[in-house]
C-alpha atoms as a PDB file:
ATOM      1  CA  MET A   1       0.000   0.000   0.000  1.00  0.00           C
ATOM      2  CA  LYS A   2       1.375   3.384  -0.980  1.00  0.00           C
ATOM      3  CA  MET A   3       1.511   5.826   1.911  1.00  0.00           C
ATOM      4  CA  ILE A   4       0.872   9.487   1.086  1.00  0.00           C
ATOM      5  CA  SER A   5       2.408  12.294   3.116  1.00  0.00           C
ATOM      6  CA  VAL A   6      -0.225  14.758   4.359  1.00  0.00           C
ATOM      7  CA  ASN A   7      -0.112  18.248   5.823  1.00  0.00           C
ATOM      8  CA  SER A   8      -1.399  17.779   9.362  1.00  0.00           C
ATOM      9  CA  SER A   9      -0.181  18.521  12.857  1.00  0.00           C
ATOM     10  CA  ALA A  10      -1.206  15.048  14.083  1.00  0.00           C
ATOM     11  CA  ILE A  11      -1.078  12.725  11.053  1.00  0.00           C
ATOM     12  CA  SER A  12       1.976  12.163   8.870  1.00  0.00           C
ATOM     13  CA  HIS A  13       0.822   9.626   6.250  1.00  0.00           C
ATOM     14  CA  ILE A  14      -2.294   7.895   5.003  1.00  0.00           C
ATOM     15  CA  GLY A  15      -2.717   4.999   2.606  1.00  0.00           C
ATOM     16  CA  TYR A  16      -5.598   3.113   1.047  1.00  0.00           C
ATOM     17  CA  ASP A  17      -6.100  -0.185  -0.750  1.00  0.00           C
ATOM     18  CA  SER A  18      -9.240   0.006  -2.875  1.00  0.00           C
ATOM     19  CA  ASN A  19      -9.320  -3.784  -3.366  1.00  0.00           C
ATOM     20  CA  THR A  20      -9.588  -4.560   0.345  1.00  0.00           C
ATOM     21  CA  LYS A  21     -11.011  -1.174   1.467  1.00  0.00           C
ATOM     22  CA  GLN A  22      -8.297  -1.041   4.119  1.00  0.00           C
ATOM     23  CA  MET A  23      -6.806   2.280   5.165  1.00  0.00           C
ATOM     24  CA  LYS A  24      -3.659   2.927   7.189  1.00  0.00           C
ATOM     25  CA  ILE A  25      -3.008   6.115   9.132  1.00  0.00           C
ATOM     26  CA  THR A  26       0.379   6.989  10.608  1.00  0.00           C
ATOM     27  CA  PHE A  27       0.236   9.468  13.456  1.00  0.00           C
ATOM     28  CA  LYS A  28       3.204  11.757  14.115  1.00  0.00           C
ATOM     29  CA  GLN A  29       3.435  11.008  17.839  1.00  0.00           C
ATOM     30  CA  SER A  30       2.352   7.386  17.676  1.00  0.00           C
ATOM     31  CA  LYS A  31       2.261   4.453  15.321  1.00  0.00           C
ATOM     32  CA  THR A  32       0.354   3.237  12.278  1.00  0.00           C
ATOM     33  CA  TYR A  33      -3.214   2.033  12.673  1.00  0.00           C
ATOM     34  CA  ASP A  34      -5.406  -0.007  10.319  1.00  0.00           C
ATOM     35  CA  TYR A  35      -8.998   0.835   9.445  1.00  0.00           C
ATOM     36  CA  CYS A  36     -11.270  -1.657   7.655  1.00  0.00           C
ATOM     37  CA  ASN A  37     -14.219  -1.446   5.263  1.00  0.00           C
ATOM     38  CA  VAL A  38     -13.485   2.201   4.471  1.00  0.00           C
ATOM     39  CA  PRO A  39     -15.440   3.374   1.394  1.00  0.00           C
ATOM     40  CA  GLN A  40     -13.391   4.958  -1.387  1.00  0.00           C
ATOM     41  CA  ASN A  41     -15.256   8.268  -1.024  1.00  0.00           C
ATOM     42  CA  ILE A  42     -14.301   8.513   2.665  1.00  0.00           C
ATOM     43  CA  PHE A  43     -10.623   8.075   1.798  1.00  0.00           C
ATOM     44  CA  ASP A  44     -10.881  10.621  -1.036  1.00  0.00           C
ATOM     45  CA  GLU A  45     -12.598  13.183   1.204  1.00  0.00           C
ATOM     46  CA  PHE A  46     -10.048  12.539   3.978  1.00  0.00           C
ATOM     47  CA  LEU A  47      -7.128  13.031   1.606  1.00  0.00           C
ATOM     48  CA  ASN A  48      -8.588  16.286   0.276  1.00  0.00           C
ATOM     49  CA  ALA A  49      -9.976  17.703   3.532  1.00  0.00           C
ATOM     50  CA  SER A  50      -9.000  21.241   4.478  1.00  0.00           C
ATOM     51  CA  SER A  51      -8.249  19.860   7.963  1.00  0.00           C
ATOM     52  CA  ILE A  52      -7.076  16.242   8.035  1.00  0.00           C
ATOM     53  CA  GLY A  53      -7.348  16.087  11.844  1.00  0.00           C
ATOM     54  CA  ILE A  54     -10.906  17.403  12.007  1.00  0.00           C
ATOM     55  CA  TYR A  55     -12.016  15.050   9.227  1.00  0.00           C
ATOM     56  CA  TYR A  56     -10.428  12.129  11.083  1.00  0.00           C
ATOM     57  CA  ASP A  57     -12.191  13.037  14.343  1.00  0.00           C
ATOM     58  CA  ARG A  58     -15.601  13.509  12.702  1.00  0.00           C
ATOM     59  CA  HIS A  59     -15.692  10.729  10.111  1.00  0.00           C
ATOM     60  CA  ILE A  60     -13.086   8.035  10.751  1.00  0.00           C
ATOM     61  CA  LYS A  61     -12.227   7.734  14.443  1.00  0.00           C
ATOM     62  CA  ASP A  62     -14.195   4.845  16.023  1.00  0.00           C
ATOM     63  CA  ASN A  63     -16.047   4.129  12.764  1.00  0.00           C
ATOM     64  CA  TYR A  64     -13.834   1.707  10.831  1.00  0.00           C
ATOM     65  CA  ASN A  65     -12.190  -0.555  13.394  1.00  0.00           C
ATOM     66  CA  CYS A  66     -10.762  -3.849  12.217  1.00  0.00           C
ATOM     67  CA  TRP A  67     -12.124  -6.745  14.289  1.00  0.00           C
END
């Protein structure tokens, strides 16, 4: 999975695999976390959000856990 560098104070990179709908997010002060069953449009909106951190908090956090 290709990781894309993003402009955010909390997140350094995000990646997405459209075949598996898995997303990875690398946080600057932490590690990389996996998110499952993420729709393509959510990844696209996340990547293009004016605030990556706010988008993460509102639309991704606690919504796409891998079990």
